[in-house]
PDB file of N, CA and C in Angstrom:
ATOM      1  N   UNK A   1      32.375  23.309 -60.735  1.00  0.00           N
ATOM      2  CA  UNK A   1      31.168  22.367 -61.394  1.00  0.00           C
ATOM      3  C   UNK A   1      30.244  21.967 -59.932  1.00  0.00           C
ATOM      4  N   UNK A   2      31.320  21.466 -58.767  1.00  0.00           N
ATOM      5  CA  UNK A   2      31.243  20.674 -58.029  1.00  0.00           C
ATOM      6  C   UNK A   2      30.387  21.485 -57.278  1.00  0.00           C
ATOM      7  N   UNK A   3      30.295  22.937 -56.849  1.00  0.00           N
ATOM      8  CA  UNK A   3      29.499  24.381 -56.516  1.00  0.00           C
ATOM      9  C   UNK A   3      28.279  23.733 -56.921  1.00  0.00           C
ATOM     10  N   UNK A   4      27.487  23.831 -58.203  1.00  0.00           N
ATOM     11  CA  UNK A   4      27.112  23.794 -59.208  1.00  0.00           C
ATOM     12  C   UNK A   4      25.609  22.546 -58.024  1.00  0.00           C
ATOM     13  N   UNK A   5      26.356  21.752 -58.390  1.00  0.00           N
ATOM     14  CA  UNK A   5      25.772  20.398 -57.867  1.00  0.00           C
ATOM     15  C   UNK A   5      25.427  20.496 -56.717  1.00  0.00           C
ATOM     16  N   UNK A   6      26.313  21.299 -56.065  1.00  0.00           N
ATOM     17  CA  UNK A   6      25.694  21.140 -54.117  1.00  0.00           C
ATOM     18  C   UNK A   6      24.322  21.583 -54.172  1.00  0.00           C
ATOM     19  N   UNK A   7      24.775  22.799 -55.319  1.00  0.00           N
ATOM     20  CA  UNK A   7      23.120  23.678 -54.804  1.00  0.00           C
ATOM     21  C   UNK A   7      22.323  23.652 -55.622  1.00  0.00           C
ATOM     22  N   UNK A   8      22.599  23.188 -56.594  1.00  0.00           N
ATOM     23  CA  UNK A   8      21.153  22.100 -57.564  1.00  0.00           C
ATOM     24  C   UNK A   8      20.487  21.303 -56.057  1.00  0.00           C
ATOM     25  N   UNK A   9      21.869  20.054 -56.163  1.00  0.00           N
ATOM     26  CA  UNK A   9      20.923  19.165 -54.181  1.00  0.00           C
ATOM     27  C   UNK A   9      19.990  19.538 -53.797  1.00  0.00           C
ATOM     28  N   UNK A  10      20.389  20.796 -52.594  1.00  0.00           N
ATOM     29  CA  UNK A  10      20.270  21.682 -51.678  1.00  0.00           C
ATOM     30  C   UNK A  10      18.853  22.574 -51.683  1.00  0.00           C
ATOM     31  N   UNK A  11      18.751  23.128 -53.183  1.00  0.00           N
ATOM     32  CA  UNK A  11      18.101  23.624 -53.893  1.00  0.00           C
ATOM     33  C   UNK A  11      16.268  23.953 -52.999  1.00  0.00           C
ATOM     34  N   UNK A  12      15.722  23.385 -52.910  1.00  0.00           N
ATOM     35  CA  UNK A  12      15.030  23.167 -51.421  1.00  0.00           C
ATOM     36  C   UNK A  12      14.535  22.974 -50.206  1.00  0.00           C
ATOM     37  N   UNK A  13      15.701  22.931 -49.573  1.00  0.00           N
ATOM     38  CA  UNK A  13      16.364  22.692 -48.695  1.00  0.00           C
ATOM     39  C   UNK A  13      15.969  24.104 -47.204  1.00  0.00           C
ATOM     40  N   UNK A  14      15.358  22.870 -46.489  1.00  0.00           N
ATOM     41  CA  UNK A  14      15.121  24.830 -45.282  1.00  0.00           C
ATOM     42  C   UNK A  14      15.819  25.175 -44.790  1.00  0.00           C
ATOM     43  N   UNK A  15      16.898  24.605 -44.581  1.00  0.00           N
ATOM     44  CA  UNK A  15      17.575  24.901 -44.058  1.00  0.00           C
ATOM     45  C   UNK A  15      18.954  25.144 -43.599  1.00  0.00           C
ATOM     46  N   UNK A  16      18.943  26.125 -43.881  1.00  0.00           N
ATOM     47  CA  UNK A  16      20.449  27.038 -44.695  1.00  0.00           C
ATOM     48  C   UNK A  16      21.511  26.729 -44.374  1.00  0.00           C
ATOM     49  N   UNK A  17      21.043  27.599 -43.296  1.00  0.00           N
ATOM     50  CA  UNK A  17      22.346  28.474 -41.893  1.00  0.00           C
ATOM     51  C   UNK A  17      22.566  26.934 -40.910  1.00  0.00           C
ATOM     52  N   UNK A  18      21.687  26.049 -40.495  1.00  0.00           N
ATOM     53  CA  UNK A  18      22.462  24.555 -40.227  1.00  0.00           C
ATOM     54  C   UNK A  18      22.792  23.810 -40.994  1.00  0.00           C
ATOM     55  N   UNK A  19      22.186  23.490 -42.152  1.00  0.00           N
ATOM     56  CA  UNK A  19      24.055  23.315 -43.410  1.00  0.00           C
ATOM     57  C   UNK A  19      25.355  23.732 -43.070  1.00  0.00           C
ATOM     58  N   UNK A  20      25.531  24.701 -43.303  1.00  0.00           N
ATOM     59  CA  UNK A  20      27.439  25.671 -42.735  1.00  0.00           C
ATOM     60  C   UNK A  20      27.541  25.161 -41.241  1.00  0.00           C
ATOM     61  N   UNK A  21      26.208  25.396 -40.543  1.00  0.00           N
ATOM     62  CA  UNK A  21      26.710  24.532 -39.254  1.00  0.00           C
ATOM     63  C   UNK A  21      27.366  22.838 -39.816  1.00  0.00           C
ATOM     64  N   UNK A  22      26.271  22.066 -39.997  1.00  0.00           N
ATOM     65  CA  UNK A  22      26.633  21.107 -40.075  1.00  0.00           C
ATOM     66  C   UNK A  22      28.102  20.962 -40.814  1.00  0.00           C
ATOM     67  N   UNK A  23      27.946  21.577 -41.973  1.00  0.00           N
ATOM     68  CA  UNK A  23      30.117  21.609 -42.357  1.00  0.00           C
ATOM     69  C   UNK A  23      31.251  22.092 -41.996  1.00  0.00           C
ATOM     70  N   UNK A  24      30.841  23.207 -41.057  1.00  0.00           N
ATOM     71  CA  UNK A  24      31.568  23.021 -40.204  1.00  0.00           C
ATOM     72  C   UNK A  24      31.494  22.503 -38.762  1.00  0.00           C
ATOM     73  N   UNK A  25      31.461  21.782 -38.331  1.00  0.00           N
ATOM     74  CA  UNK A  25      30.779  20.856 -37.096  1.00  0.00           C
ATOM     75  C   UNK A  25      32.083  20.217 -36.994  1.00  0.00           C
ATOM     76  N   UNK A  26      32.460  19.037 -37.923  1.00  0.00           N
ATOM     77  CA  UNK A  26      34.024  18.380 -37.753  1.00  0.00           C
ATOM     78  C   UNK A  26      35.038  19.508 -37.998  1.00  0.00           C
ATOM     79  N   UNK A  27      35.522  20.200 -38.390  1.00  0.00           N
ATOM     80  CA  UNK A  27      36.161  21.306 -38.700  1.00  0.00           C
ATOM     81  C   UNK A  27      36.780  21.453 -37.354  1.00  0.00           C
ATOM     82  N   UNK A  28      35.296  22.180 -36.251  1.00  0.00           N
ATOM     83  CA  UNK A  28      36.014  22.915 -35.277  1.00  0.00           C
ATOM     84  C   UNK A  28      35.412  21.935 -34.090  1.00  0.00           C
ATOM     85  N   UNK A  29      36.944  21.510 -34.168  1.00  0.00           N
ATOM     86  CA  UNK A  29      36.698  20.124 -33.325  1.00  0.00           C
ATOM     87  C   UNK A  29      38.795  20.450 -32.495  1.00  0.00           C
ATOM     88  N   UNK A  30      38.435  19.955 -31.054  1.00  0.00           N
ATOM     89  CA  UNK A  30      39.370  20.590 -30.881  1.00  0.00           C
ATOM     90  C   UNK A  30      40.929  20.037 -31.577  1.00  0.00           C
ATOM     91  N   UNK A  31      41.998  20.134 -31.408  1.00  0.00           N
ATOM     92  CA  UNK A  31      43.304  20.322 -32.313  1.00  0.00           C
ATOM     93  C   UNK A  31      43.938  18.869 -31.595  1.00  0.00           C
ATOM     94  N   UNK A  32      44.438  17.659 -32.520  1.00  0.00           N
ATOM     95  CA  UNK A  32      45.520  16.980 -32.658  1.00  0.00           C
ATOM     96  C   UNK A  32      47.180  16.206 -32.445  1.00  0.00           C
ATOM     97  N   UNK A  33      47.191  16.293 -31.351  1.00  0.00           N
ATOM     98  CA  UNK A  33      48.755  15.948 -31.942  1.00  0.00           C
ATOM     99  C   UNK A  33      49.061  15.747 -32.215  1.00  0.00           C
ATOM    100  N   UNK A  34      50.668  16.622 -33.349  1.00  0.00           N
ATOM    101  CA  UNK A  34      50.988  15.056 -34.150  1.00  0.00           C
ATOM    102  C   UNK A  34      51.080  13.705 -33.830  1.00  0.00           C
ATOM    103  N   UNK A  35      51.689  14.018 -31.823  1.00  0.00           N
ATOM    104  CA  UNK A  35      52.900  12.500 -31.588  1.00  0.00           C
ATOM    105  C   UNK A  35      51.366  11.594 -31.859  1.00  0.00           C
ATOM    106  N   UNK A  36      50.054  11.862 -31.231  1.00  0.00           N
ATOM    107  CA  UNK A  36      49.300  10.794 -31.218  1.00  0.00           C
ATOM    108  C   UNK A  36      48.645  10.159 -32.433  1.00  0.00           C
ATOM    109  N   UNK A  37      49.494  10.780 -33.327  1.00  0.00           N
ATOM    110  CA  UNK A  37      48.187  10.525 -34.473  1.00  0.00           C
ATOM    111  C   UNK A  37      49.551   9.983 -35.416  1.00  0.00           C
ATOM    112  N   UNK A  38      50.835   9.672 -35.219  1.00  0.00           N
ATOM    113  CA  UNK A  38      52.311   9.236 -35.907  1.00  0.00           C
ATOM    114  C   UNK A  38      52.055   8.076 -34.573  1.00  0.00           C
ATOM    115  N   UNK A  39      52.361   8.114 -33.848  1.00  0.00           N
ATOM    116  CA  UNK A  39      51.882   7.080 -31.931  1.00  0.00           C
ATOM    117  C   UNK A  39      53.215   7.849 -31.457  1.00  0.00           C
ATOM    118  N   UNK A  40      53.267   8.291 -31.108  1.00  0.00           N
ATOM    119  CA  UNK A  40      53.990   8.443 -30.089  1.00  0.00           C
ATOM    120  C   UNK A  40      53.506   8.499 -28.510  1.00  0.00           C
ATOM    121  N   UNK A  41      52.961   8.795 -27.722  1.00  0.00           N
ATOM    122  CA  UNK A  41      53.141   8.650 -26.695  1.00  0.00           C
ATOM    123  C   UNK A  41      52.434  10.226 -26.063  1.00  0.00           C
ATOM    124  N   UNK A  42      51.647  10.609 -25.973  1.00  0.00           N
ATOM    125  CA  UNK A  42      51.337  10.863 -25.411  1.00  0.00           C
ATOM    126  C   UNK A  42      52.258  12.665 -24.882  1.00  0.00           C
TER     127      UNK A  42
END
């Protein structure tokens, strides 16, 4: 159902390619080492 809502809300958007790029941009960053997430020293 969420996919249909997503498509319906963006049915008139003229930049379909940019939408995919914007969705993937936060994912395509450099990975953070686990030690930094847990609170250890790098």
